Amino acid sequence: MRFKITLFALLIVINISAQSTDDLKRDTKALYNATYTMSFDTMLDFTYPLVFKFVERADMYGTLDSSFDNEVYRIRYQYTTPHFTYSDMLMTDNGLYCVISYENSILMTYKQPLSDDTRVKKITETLHKNFPDSIVRFEKERNAFNIIKTDKLVAIFDDFTEGKWKFISFDPKYKELLDAVITEKIRNQLGL
C-alpha cells in the first residue's frame, strides 16, 4: 500500500513538473518577445512581484523608457531566434526556481555622429565594463554599437506569483535587489 501511495505521489510531482516546465518555456518566450517589442507593461507584468516593494512600478517603467530612448542614444533589441538554456528546477518549501540563460543582441544607436575614434574607444570600454564577457562592435555606417551578450533570468513560481512564472534579471549591477528578493540559501543552490 505504501508503495502505491509513493508511486501516486511521484506521478503527481512528475506531471506538475512537466506542466510547469511547459508554462515556463511559454512565458520565457513571451517575455523575450515583449522585450524585443519594448512592451514595457508586459515586461513589468512578468516581473517578480516582490521587486515592486523596492522599486515602484511607475518608476521602473520610466527608467525603462528613458534607457531605451533618450537625447543621446536609442537602444533596440535585435531579434534572434533565442536558444534558452534552463537549469535544473529547484524545488523549495515555498516554490520553484530556475535559471535561464540566452544570447541577446542589442543595437545602441547614437543620435549625434561618433566620428572621433577616441570617443568610440571610450564608449566601447564602458560597454565592456557594463556588459562583461560581451562582444561589442562599432558599426560606423549605422553610428551604432552592436552588443552581443549572454543574459540570465531567474524564474520564480511561488506564493507571490499567483500561479504564474515571474522573472527577475540576474545582473551583477542589481545584486542588492536580487539579494533582497531571493534568499542567500536559494541563490547558493542556484549557483548564483
N, C-alpha and C. Protein backbone atom coordinates (compact mmCIF):
# COMPACT_ATOMS: atom_id res chain seq x y z
N MET A 1 0.82 -1.19 0.00
CA MET A 1 0.00 0.00 0.00
C MET A 1 0.87 1.26 0.00
N ARG A 2 1.90 1.24 0.85
CA ARG A 2 2.79 2.39 0.93
C ARG A 2 3.46 2.65 -0.41
N PHE A 3 3.84 1.58 -1.13
CA PHE A 3 4.46 1.72 -2.44
C PHE A 3 3.50 2.41 -3.42
N LYS A 4 2.22 2.05 -3.39
CA LYS A 4 1.23 2.64 -4.29
C LYS A 4 1.06 4.13 -4.01
N ILE A 5 1.05 4.50 -2.75
CA ILE A 5 0.91 5.92 -2.37
C ILE A 5 2.14 6.69 -2.83
N THR A 6 3.34 6.13 -2.61
CA THR A 6 4.57 6.79 -3.04
C THR A 6 4.60 6.94 -4.56
N LEU A 7 4.21 5.87 -5.28
CA LEU A 7 4.18 5.92 -6.74
C LEU A 7 3.17 6.97 -7.23
N PHE A 8 2.02 7.03 -6.60
CA PHE A 8 0.99 8.02 -6.97
C PHE A 8 1.50 9.44 -6.74
N ALA A 9 2.14 9.67 -5.59
CA ALA A 9 2.69 11.00 -5.28
C ALA A 9 3.78 11.37 -6.29
N LEU A 10 4.62 10.40 -6.64
CA LEU A 10 5.68 10.65 -7.61
C LEU A 10 5.10 11.01 -8.98
N LEU A 11 4.06 10.33 -9.41
CA LEU A 11 3.41 10.64 -10.69
C LEU A 11 2.80 12.04 -10.69
N ILE A 12 2.24 12.44 -9.58
CA ILE A 12 1.67 13.79 -9.47
C ILE A 12 2.78 14.83 -9.59
N VAL A 13 3.90 14.62 -8.89
CA VAL A 13 5.03 15.56 -8.94
C VAL A 13 5.58 15.64 -10.35
N ILE A 14 5.72 14.50 -11.04
CA ILE A 14 6.24 14.49 -12.41
C ILE A 14 5.29 15.24 -13.34
N ASN A 15 3.99 15.04 -13.19
CA ASN A 15 3.00 15.72 -14.02
C ASN A 15 3.03 17.23 -13.78
N ILE A 16 3.09 17.65 -12.53
CA ILE A 16 3.14 19.08 -12.20
C ILE A 16 4.43 19.68 -12.73
N SER A 17 5.55 18.96 -12.59
CA SER A 17 6.83 19.46 -13.07
C SER A 17 6.82 19.64 -14.58
N ALA A 18 6.26 18.68 -15.32
CA ALA A 18 6.20 18.78 -16.78
C ALA A 18 5.33 19.95 -17.20
N GLN A 19 4.19 20.10 -16.54
CA GLN A 19 3.30 21.22 -16.87
C GLN A 19 3.98 22.54 -16.54
N SER A 20 4.66 22.60 -15.41
CA SER A 20 5.36 23.81 -15.01
C SER A 20 6.46 24.15 -16.00
N THR A 21 7.18 23.14 -16.50
CA THR A 21 8.25 23.36 -17.47
C THR A 21 7.67 23.92 -18.77
N ASP A 22 6.56 23.37 -19.23
CA ASP A 22 5.92 23.88 -20.45
C ASP A 22 5.49 25.33 -20.27
N ASP A 23 4.90 25.65 -19.12
CA ASP A 23 4.48 27.02 -18.83
C ASP A 23 5.69 27.95 -18.76
N LEU A 24 6.76 27.47 -18.15
CA LEU A 24 7.98 28.28 -18.03
C LEU A 24 8.53 28.60 -19.41
N LYS A 25 8.60 27.63 -20.29
CA LYS A 25 9.12 27.86 -21.64
C LYS A 25 8.23 28.84 -22.41
N ARG A 26 6.93 28.68 -22.29
CA ARG A 26 6.00 29.61 -22.95
C ARG A 26 6.17 31.03 -22.43
N ASP A 27 6.26 31.19 -21.11
CA ASP A 27 6.37 32.52 -20.50
C ASP A 27 7.73 33.16 -20.79
N THR A 28 8.79 32.36 -20.84
CA THR A 28 10.11 32.88 -21.17
C THR A 28 10.09 33.48 -22.57
N LYS A 29 9.49 32.78 -23.51
CA LYS A 29 9.42 33.27 -24.89
C LYS A 29 8.55 34.53 -24.95
N ALA A 30 7.45 34.56 -24.21
CA ALA A 30 6.58 35.75 -24.20
C ALA A 30 7.31 36.96 -23.62
N LEU A 31 8.10 36.75 -22.57
CA LEU A 31 8.88 37.85 -22.01
C LEU A 31 9.94 38.32 -23.01
N TYR A 32 10.60 37.40 -23.69
CA TYR A 32 11.59 37.76 -24.69
C TYR A 32 10.94 38.60 -25.80
N ASN A 33 9.78 38.19 -26.26
CA ASN A 33 9.08 38.94 -27.31
C ASN A 33 8.67 40.33 -26.82
N ALA A 34 8.23 40.43 -25.57
CA ALA A 34 7.85 41.74 -25.01
C ALA A 34 9.07 42.65 -24.92
N THR A 35 10.22 42.08 -24.59
CA THR A 35 11.45 42.87 -24.53
C THR A 35 11.83 43.37 -25.92
N TYR A 36 11.74 42.47 -26.88
CA TYR A 36 12.08 42.85 -28.26
C TYR A 36 11.17 43.97 -28.78
N THR A 37 9.88 43.88 -28.49
CA THR A 37 8.94 44.89 -28.98
C THR A 37 8.84 46.10 -28.05
N MET A 38 9.62 46.06 -26.98
CA MET A 38 9.63 47.13 -25.97
C MET A 38 8.25 47.38 -25.39
N SER A 39 7.55 46.31 -25.13
CA SER A 39 6.25 46.37 -24.48
C SER A 39 6.50 46.39 -22.97
N PHE A 40 6.76 47.59 -22.46
CA PHE A 40 7.20 47.73 -21.07
C PHE A 40 6.16 47.23 -20.07
N ASP A 41 4.88 47.46 -20.34
CA ASP A 41 3.84 46.97 -19.41
C ASP A 41 3.88 45.45 -19.31
N THR A 42 4.02 44.77 -20.45
CA THR A 42 4.10 43.31 -20.43
C THR A 42 5.36 42.86 -19.72
N MET A 43 6.47 43.53 -19.98
CA MET A 43 7.71 43.19 -19.29
C MET A 43 7.53 43.30 -17.77
N LEU A 44 6.87 44.35 -17.34
CA LEU A 44 6.66 44.55 -15.91
C LEU A 44 5.65 43.55 -15.35
N ASP A 45 4.68 43.13 -16.17
CA ASP A 45 3.73 42.09 -15.73
C ASP A 45 4.45 40.78 -15.44
N PHE A 46 5.54 40.51 -16.15
CA PHE A 46 6.32 39.29 -15.95
C PHE A 46 7.36 39.44 -14.83
N THR A 47 7.49 40.62 -14.27
CA THR A 47 8.48 40.87 -13.22
C THR A 47 8.01 40.28 -11.89
N TYR A 48 8.93 39.67 -11.18
CA TYR A 48 8.61 39.07 -9.88
C TYR A 48 8.05 40.14 -8.95
N PRO A 49 6.86 39.91 -8.37
CA PRO A 49 6.15 40.95 -7.61
C PRO A 49 6.92 41.59 -6.45
N LEU A 50 7.78 40.84 -5.78
CA LEU A 50 8.49 41.42 -4.64
C LEU A 50 9.44 42.54 -5.05
N VAL A 51 9.81 42.58 -6.33
CA VAL A 51 10.67 43.66 -6.83
C VAL A 51 9.99 45.01 -6.60
N PHE A 52 8.66 45.03 -6.73
CA PHE A 52 7.92 46.29 -6.62
C PHE A 52 7.81 46.80 -5.18
N LYS A 53 8.30 46.01 -4.22
CA LYS A 53 8.42 46.52 -2.85
C LYS A 53 9.62 47.44 -2.73
N PHE A 54 10.56 47.31 -3.65
CA PHE A 54 11.79 48.08 -3.61
C PHE A 54 11.83 49.18 -4.67
N VAL A 55 11.15 48.95 -5.79
CA VAL A 55 11.11 49.92 -6.87
C VAL A 55 9.66 50.03 -7.34
N GLU A 56 9.13 51.22 -7.32
CA GLU A 56 7.75 51.42 -7.78
C GLU A 56 7.64 51.04 -9.25
N ARG A 57 6.51 50.44 -9.60
CA ARG A 57 6.29 50.03 -11.00
C ARG A 57 6.41 51.24 -11.94
N ALA A 58 5.81 52.36 -11.58
CA ALA A 58 5.85 53.57 -12.43
C ALA A 58 7.30 54.05 -12.61
N ASP A 59 8.09 53.99 -11.54
CA ASP A 59 9.49 54.39 -11.64
C ASP A 59 10.27 53.45 -12.56
N MET A 60 9.98 52.15 -12.44
CA MET A 60 10.66 51.18 -13.27
C MET A 60 10.27 51.39 -14.75
N TYR A 61 9.01 51.69 -14.99
CA TYR A 61 8.56 51.96 -16.36
C TYR A 61 9.31 53.17 -16.93
N GLY A 62 9.41 54.24 -16.13
CA GLY A 62 10.11 55.44 -16.57
C GLY A 62 11.58 55.18 -16.85
N THR A 63 12.21 54.37 -16.01
CA THR A 63 13.61 54.03 -16.22
C THR A 63 13.79 53.24 -17.51
N LEU A 64 12.92 52.28 -17.75
CA LEU A 64 12.99 51.51 -19.00
C LEU A 64 12.82 52.44 -20.20
N ASP A 65 11.82 53.29 -20.13
CA ASP A 65 11.51 54.18 -21.25
C ASP A 65 12.70 55.09 -21.56
N SER A 66 13.28 55.71 -20.53
CA SER A 66 14.40 56.63 -20.77
C SER A 66 15.69 55.90 -21.11
N SER A 67 15.83 54.65 -20.68
CA SER A 67 17.02 53.88 -21.02
C SER A 67 17.02 53.48 -22.49
N PHE A 68 15.85 53.23 -23.04
CA PHE A 68 15.76 52.78 -24.42
C PHE A 68 15.77 53.91 -25.43
N ASP A 69 15.38 55.12 -24.98
CA ASP A 69 15.37 56.24 -25.92
C ASP A 69 15.54 57.53 -25.13
N ASN A 70 16.68 58.17 -25.33
CA ASN A 70 16.94 59.44 -24.65
C ASN A 70 17.62 60.40 -25.62
N GLU A 71 18.10 61.52 -25.14
CA GLU A 71 18.67 62.52 -26.04
C GLU A 71 20.02 62.10 -26.63
N VAL A 72 20.67 61.08 -26.06
CA VAL A 72 21.99 60.66 -26.52
C VAL A 72 21.93 59.46 -27.47
N TYR A 73 21.14 58.45 -27.13
CA TYR A 73 21.09 57.23 -27.93
C TYR A 73 19.71 56.57 -27.85
N ARG A 74 19.56 55.58 -28.72
CA ARG A 74 18.35 54.77 -28.75
C ARG A 74 18.79 53.31 -28.76
N ILE A 75 18.16 52.48 -27.94
CA ILE A 75 18.50 51.06 -27.86
C ILE A 75 17.35 50.25 -28.43
N ARG A 76 17.71 49.28 -29.26
CA ARG A 76 16.74 48.33 -29.79
C ARG A 76 17.34 46.94 -29.70
N TYR A 77 16.51 45.99 -29.30
CA TYR A 77 16.95 44.60 -29.32
C TYR A 77 16.84 44.11 -30.75
N GLN A 78 17.83 43.35 -31.16
CA GLN A 78 17.81 42.75 -32.49
C GLN A 78 17.25 41.34 -32.33
N TYR A 79 16.22 41.06 -33.07
CA TYR A 79 15.56 39.77 -32.90
C TYR A 79 16.45 38.65 -33.43
N THR A 80 16.64 37.69 -32.59
CA THR A 80 17.32 36.47 -32.97
C THR A 80 16.41 35.33 -32.56
N THR A 81 16.66 34.17 -33.07
CA THR A 81 15.91 33.02 -32.58
C THR A 81 16.58 32.62 -31.27
N PRO A 82 15.92 32.90 -30.15
CA PRO A 82 16.59 32.66 -28.87
C PRO A 82 16.74 31.16 -28.58
N HIS A 83 17.88 30.83 -28.03
CA HIS A 83 18.15 29.47 -27.59
C HIS A 83 18.30 29.52 -26.07
N PHE A 84 17.22 29.24 -25.40
CA PHE A 84 17.20 29.32 -23.94
C PHE A 84 17.80 28.06 -23.34
N THR A 85 18.63 28.25 -22.33
CA THR A 85 19.19 27.14 -21.57
C THR A 85 18.59 27.23 -20.17
N TYR A 86 17.96 26.16 -19.74
CA TYR A 86 17.29 26.12 -18.44
C TYR A 86 18.09 25.26 -17.47
N SER A 87 18.30 25.79 -16.27
CA SER A 87 18.96 24.98 -15.24
C SER A 87 17.95 23.94 -14.75
N ASP A 88 18.45 23.03 -13.92
CA ASP A 88 17.52 22.12 -13.27
C ASP A 88 16.59 22.95 -12.39
N MET A 89 15.36 22.52 -12.29
CA MET A 89 14.41 23.25 -11.47
C MET A 89 14.68 22.97 -10.00
N LEU A 90 14.77 24.04 -9.23
CA LEU A 90 14.99 23.91 -7.79
C LEU A 90 13.64 24.00 -7.10
N MET A 91 13.29 22.94 -6.36
CA MET A 91 12.04 22.92 -5.61
C MET A 91 12.35 23.20 -4.14
N THR A 92 11.71 24.22 -3.59
CA THR A 92 11.88 24.53 -2.17
C THR A 92 10.52 24.46 -1.50
N ASP A 93 10.50 24.71 -0.19
CA ASP A 93 9.24 24.69 0.55
C ASP A 93 8.22 25.68 -0.01
N ASN A 94 8.73 26.82 -0.47
CA ASN A 94 7.79 27.86 -0.90
C ASN A 94 7.67 28.04 -2.41
N GLY A 95 8.38 27.24 -3.22
CA GLY A 95 8.21 27.41 -4.66
C GLY A 95 9.24 26.73 -5.52
N LEU A 96 9.21 27.11 -6.81
CA LEU A 96 10.12 26.58 -7.81
C LEU A 96 10.98 27.71 -8.34
N TYR A 97 12.24 27.39 -8.65
CA TYR A 97 13.18 28.36 -9.19
C TYR A 97 13.92 27.73 -10.36
N CYS A 98 14.26 28.56 -11.34
CA CYS A 98 15.02 28.08 -12.48
C CYS A 98 15.84 29.24 -13.04
N VAL A 99 17.09 28.98 -13.41
CA VAL A 99 17.94 29.99 -14.03
C VAL A 99 17.92 29.75 -15.54
N ILE A 100 17.67 30.82 -16.28
CA ILE A 100 17.57 30.74 -17.74
C ILE A 100 18.67 31.62 -18.33
N SER A 101 19.43 31.07 -19.27
CA SER A 101 20.48 31.82 -19.96
C SER A 101 20.15 31.84 -21.44
N TYR A 102 20.49 32.95 -22.08
CA TYR A 102 20.27 33.05 -23.52
C TYR A 102 21.11 34.19 -24.08
N GLU A 103 21.44 34.08 -25.38
CA GLU A 103 22.21 35.12 -26.03
C GLU A 103 21.27 36.23 -26.49
N ASN A 104 21.70 37.46 -26.28
CA ASN A 104 20.89 38.63 -26.63
C ASN A 104 21.74 39.58 -27.45
N SER A 105 21.11 40.27 -28.37
CA SER A 105 21.82 41.22 -29.22
C SER A 105 21.12 42.58 -29.17
N ILE A 106 21.90 43.61 -28.87
CA ILE A 106 21.36 44.96 -28.72
C ILE A 106 22.06 45.88 -29.72
N LEU A 107 21.30 46.80 -30.27
CA LEU A 107 21.87 47.84 -31.13
C LEU A 107 21.66 49.18 -30.43
N MET A 108 22.76 49.84 -30.08
CA MET A 108 22.73 51.14 -29.41
C MET A 108 23.15 52.20 -30.43
N THR A 109 22.16 52.93 -30.93
CA THR A 109 22.40 53.92 -31.98
C THR A 109 22.51 55.31 -31.37
N TYR A 110 23.63 55.97 -31.64
CA TYR A 110 23.83 57.33 -31.14
C TYR A 110 23.18 58.34 -32.07
N LYS A 111 22.60 59.37 -31.47
CA LYS A 111 21.85 60.36 -32.25
C LYS A 111 22.75 61.40 -32.92
N GLN A 112 23.92 61.61 -32.35
CA GLN A 112 24.91 62.50 -32.97
C GLN A 112 26.05 61.65 -33.51
N PRO A 113 26.59 62.02 -34.67
CA PRO A 113 27.65 61.21 -35.26
C PRO A 113 28.85 61.05 -34.32
N LEU A 114 29.35 59.81 -34.26
CA LEU A 114 30.54 59.50 -33.47
C LEU A 114 31.72 59.36 -34.43
N SER A 115 32.33 60.48 -34.76
CA SER A 115 33.42 60.46 -35.73
C SER A 115 34.80 60.44 -35.06
N ASP A 116 34.84 60.69 -33.76
CA ASP A 116 36.10 60.73 -33.03
C ASP A 116 36.44 59.32 -32.53
N ASP A 117 37.56 58.76 -33.01
CA ASP A 117 37.97 57.41 -32.63
C ASP A 117 38.20 57.26 -31.13
N THR A 118 38.68 58.32 -30.48
CA THR A 118 38.92 58.28 -29.03
C THR A 118 37.59 58.11 -28.28
N ARG A 119 36.58 58.81 -28.72
CA ARG A 119 35.27 58.70 -28.07
C ARG A 119 34.68 57.31 -28.29
N VAL A 120 34.80 56.80 -29.50
CA VAL A 120 34.31 55.45 -29.80
C VAL A 120 35.02 54.43 -28.91
N LYS A 121 36.32 54.59 -28.74
CA LYS A 121 37.09 53.67 -27.89
C LYS A 121 36.62 53.74 -26.43
N LYS A 122 36.38 54.95 -25.92
CA LYS A 122 35.91 55.12 -24.53
C LYS A 122 34.54 54.48 -24.33
N ILE A 123 33.65 54.70 -25.30
CA ILE A 123 32.30 54.11 -25.20
C ILE A 123 32.40 52.58 -25.24
N THR A 124 33.25 52.07 -26.12
CA THR A 124 33.45 50.62 -26.21
C THR A 124 33.95 50.05 -24.89
N GLU A 125 34.91 50.73 -24.26
CA GLU A 125 35.44 50.29 -22.97
C GLU A 125 34.34 50.30 -21.90
N THR A 126 33.53 51.35 -21.90
CA THR A 126 32.44 51.45 -20.92
C THR A 126 31.42 50.33 -21.13
N LEU A 127 31.10 50.06 -22.38
CA LEU A 127 30.15 48.98 -22.68
C LEU A 127 30.71 47.63 -22.24
N HIS A 128 32.01 47.40 -22.45
CA HIS A 128 32.62 46.15 -21.99
C HIS A 128 32.57 46.05 -20.47
N LYS A 129 32.74 47.18 -19.78
CA LYS A 129 32.68 47.17 -18.33
C LYS A 129 31.24 46.88 -17.85
N ASN A 130 30.26 47.49 -18.52
CA ASN A 130 28.86 47.28 -18.15
C ASN A 130 28.34 45.91 -18.54
N PHE A 131 28.88 45.35 -19.61
CA PHE A 131 28.46 44.04 -20.10
C PHE A 131 29.68 43.14 -20.22
N PRO A 132 30.19 42.64 -19.08
CA PRO A 132 31.38 41.79 -19.13
C PRO A 132 31.13 40.56 -20.01
N ASP A 133 32.16 40.08 -20.63
CA ASP A 133 32.11 38.89 -21.49
C ASP A 133 31.21 39.07 -22.72
N SER A 134 30.99 40.32 -23.12
CA SER A 134 30.16 40.58 -24.30
C SER A 134 31.05 40.85 -25.51
N ILE A 135 30.44 40.80 -26.66
CA ILE A 135 31.10 41.21 -27.90
C ILE A 135 30.52 42.58 -28.24
N VAL A 136 31.40 43.56 -28.40
CA VAL A 136 30.97 44.92 -28.71
C VAL A 136 31.65 45.35 -30.00
N ARG A 137 30.84 45.74 -30.98
CA ARG A 137 31.37 46.21 -32.26
C ARG A 137 30.73 47.54 -32.62
N PHE A 138 31.56 48.48 -33.05
CA PHE A 138 31.04 49.75 -33.53
C PHE A 138 30.78 49.64 -35.03
N GLU A 139 29.55 49.98 -35.42
CA GLU A 139 29.18 49.97 -36.84
C GLU A 139 29.09 51.42 -37.30
N LYS A 140 30.17 51.88 -37.92
CA LYS A 140 30.29 53.30 -38.28
C LYS A 140 29.16 53.77 -39.19
N GLU A 141 28.80 52.95 -40.18
CA GLU A 141 27.76 53.35 -41.13
C GLU A 141 26.39 53.53 -40.47
N ARG A 142 26.18 52.86 -39.34
CA ARG A 142 24.91 52.99 -38.61
C ARG A 142 25.05 53.93 -37.41
N ASN A 143 26.29 54.33 -37.11
CA ASN A 143 26.57 55.15 -35.93
C ASN A 143 26.06 54.44 -34.67
N ALA A 144 26.35 53.15 -34.61
CA ALA A 144 25.76 52.33 -33.55
C ALA A 144 26.74 51.27 -33.06
N PHE A 145 26.51 50.84 -31.83
CA PHE A 145 27.26 49.74 -31.24
C PHE A 145 26.36 48.51 -31.22
N ASN A 146 26.90 47.41 -31.71
CA ASN A 146 26.20 46.14 -31.63
C ASN A 146 26.80 45.40 -30.44
N ILE A 147 25.94 45.04 -29.50
CA ILE A 147 26.38 44.37 -28.27
C ILE A 147 25.74 42.99 -28.24
N ILE A 148 26.57 41.97 -28.22
CA ILE A 148 26.07 40.59 -28.11
C ILE A 148 26.53 40.07 -26.76
N LYS A 149 25.55 39.64 -25.97
CA LYS A 149 25.87 39.23 -24.61
C LYS A 149 24.98 38.08 -24.18
N THR A 150 25.36 37.42 -23.13
CA THR A 150 24.54 36.37 -22.55
C THR A 150 23.79 36.96 -21.36
N ASP A 151 22.48 36.85 -21.39
CA ASP A 151 21.65 37.33 -20.29
C ASP A 151 21.19 36.14 -19.45
N LYS A 152 20.92 36.43 -18.18
CA LYS A 152 20.39 35.41 -17.28
C LYS A 152 19.15 35.96 -16.59
N LEU A 153 18.17 35.09 -16.47
CA LEU A 153 16.96 35.39 -15.72
C LEU A 153 16.80 34.34 -14.64
N VAL A 154 16.19 34.74 -13.53
CA VAL A 154 15.76 33.76 -12.53
C VAL A 154 14.25 33.72 -12.61
N ALA A 155 13.72 32.55 -12.94
CA ALA A 155 12.27 32.36 -13.00
C ALA A 155 11.81 31.83 -11.64
N ILE A 156 10.70 32.39 -11.17
CA ILE A 156 10.20 32.03 -9.84
C ILE A 156 8.71 31.72 -9.93
N PHE A 157 8.31 30.64 -9.29
CA PHE A 157 6.91 30.23 -9.20
C PHE A 157 6.67 29.94 -7.72
N ASP A 158 6.02 30.88 -7.02
CA ASP A 158 5.83 30.70 -5.58
C ASP A 158 4.53 31.35 -5.13
N ASP A 159 4.38 31.52 -3.82
CA ASP A 159 3.16 32.07 -3.24
C ASP A 159 2.86 33.49 -3.71
N PHE A 160 3.88 34.23 -4.13
CA PHE A 160 3.69 35.63 -4.53
C PHE A 160 3.31 35.78 -6.01
N THR A 161 3.44 34.72 -6.79
CA THR A 161 3.26 34.85 -8.24
C THR A 161 1.88 34.44 -8.74
N GLU A 162 1.01 34.07 -7.84
CA GLU A 162 -0.39 33.76 -8.17
C GLU A 162 -0.51 32.71 -9.27
N GLY A 163 0.26 31.64 -9.14
CA GLY A 163 0.16 30.52 -10.07
C GLY A 163 0.77 30.76 -11.43
N LYS A 164 1.67 31.74 -11.54
CA LYS A 164 2.33 32.04 -12.82
C LYS A 164 3.83 32.16 -12.59
N TRP A 165 4.59 31.96 -13.66
CA TRP A 165 6.03 32.18 -13.60
C TRP A 165 6.30 33.67 -13.70
N LYS A 166 7.17 34.16 -12.84
CA LYS A 166 7.62 35.55 -12.88
C LYS A 166 9.15 35.54 -12.91
N PHE A 167 9.73 36.65 -13.32
CA PHE A 167 11.16 36.69 -13.58
C PHE A 167 11.85 37.87 -12.93
N ILE A 168 13.12 37.68 -12.64
CA ILE A 168 13.98 38.76 -12.22
C ILE A 168 15.30 38.59 -12.98
N SER A 169 15.81 39.67 -13.50
CA SER A 169 17.05 39.62 -14.26
C SER A 169 18.21 39.39 -13.31
N PHE A 170 19.10 38.49 -13.69
CA PHE A 170 20.32 38.32 -12.91
C PHE A 170 21.38 39.20 -13.54
N ASP A 171 21.58 40.33 -12.93
CA ASP A 171 22.53 41.32 -13.43
C ASP A 171 23.36 41.78 -12.23
N PRO A 172 24.68 41.60 -12.29
CA PRO A 172 25.53 42.00 -11.16
C PRO A 172 25.35 43.46 -10.74
N LYS A 173 24.91 44.32 -11.67
CA LYS A 173 24.70 45.73 -11.32
C LYS A 173 23.54 45.89 -10.33
N TYR A 174 22.63 44.92 -10.33
CA TYR A 174 21.46 44.99 -9.44
C TYR A 174 21.50 43.90 -8.38
N LYS A 175 22.70 43.58 -7.93
CA LYS A 175 22.89 42.50 -6.96
C LYS A 175 22.12 42.75 -5.67
N GLU A 176 22.08 43.99 -5.20
CA GLU A 176 21.37 44.28 -3.95
C GLU A 176 19.90 43.93 -4.05
N LEU A 177 19.29 44.23 -5.19
CA LEU A 177 17.88 43.90 -5.39
C LEU A 177 17.69 42.39 -5.42
N LEU A 178 18.54 41.69 -6.15
CA LEU A 178 18.46 40.24 -6.21
C LEU A 178 18.63 39.63 -4.82
N ASP A 179 19.60 40.15 -4.06
CA ASP A 179 19.83 39.66 -2.71
C ASP A 179 18.62 39.89 -1.81
N ALA A 180 17.92 41.00 -2.02
CA ALA A 180 16.76 41.32 -1.19
C ALA A 180 15.54 40.46 -1.53
N VAL A 181 15.48 39.98 -2.76
CA VAL A 181 14.30 39.26 -3.22
C VAL A 181 14.45 37.74 -3.08
N ILE A 182 15.66 37.22 -3.28
CA ILE A 182 15.91 35.78 -3.23
C ILE A 182 16.90 35.50 -2.11
N THR A 183 16.54 34.59 -1.22
CA THR A 183 17.40 34.32 -0.07
C THR A 183 18.77 33.80 -0.50
N GLU A 184 19.74 34.01 0.37
CA GLU A 184 21.11 33.57 0.09
C GLU A 184 21.16 32.05 -0.11
N LYS A 185 20.40 31.33 0.69
CA LYS A 185 20.37 29.87 0.58
C LYS A 185 19.93 29.45 -0.82
N ILE A 186 18.86 30.06 -1.33
CA ILE A 186 18.35 29.71 -2.66
C ILE A 186 19.34 30.16 -3.73
N ARG A 187 19.92 31.34 -3.59
CA ARG A 187 20.92 31.81 -4.57
C ARG A 187 22.08 30.83 -4.66
N ASN A 188 22.54 30.35 -3.50
CA ASN A 188 23.64 29.38 -3.48
C ASN A 188 23.23 28.08 -4.16
N GLN A 189 22.03 27.62 -3.91
CA GLN A 189 21.55 26.38 -4.53
C GLN A 189 21.41 26.54 -6.05
N LEU A 190 21.13 27.77 -6.50
CA LEU A 190 21.00 28.03 -7.93
C LEU A 190 22.37 28.31 -8.59
N GLY A 191 23.41 28.40 -7.78
CA GLY A 191 24.74 28.68 -8.31
C GLY A 191 24.95 30.15 -8.66
N LEU A 192 24.21 31.03 -8.01
CA LEU A 192 24.34 32.46 -8.26
C LEU A 192 25.19 33.09 -7.18
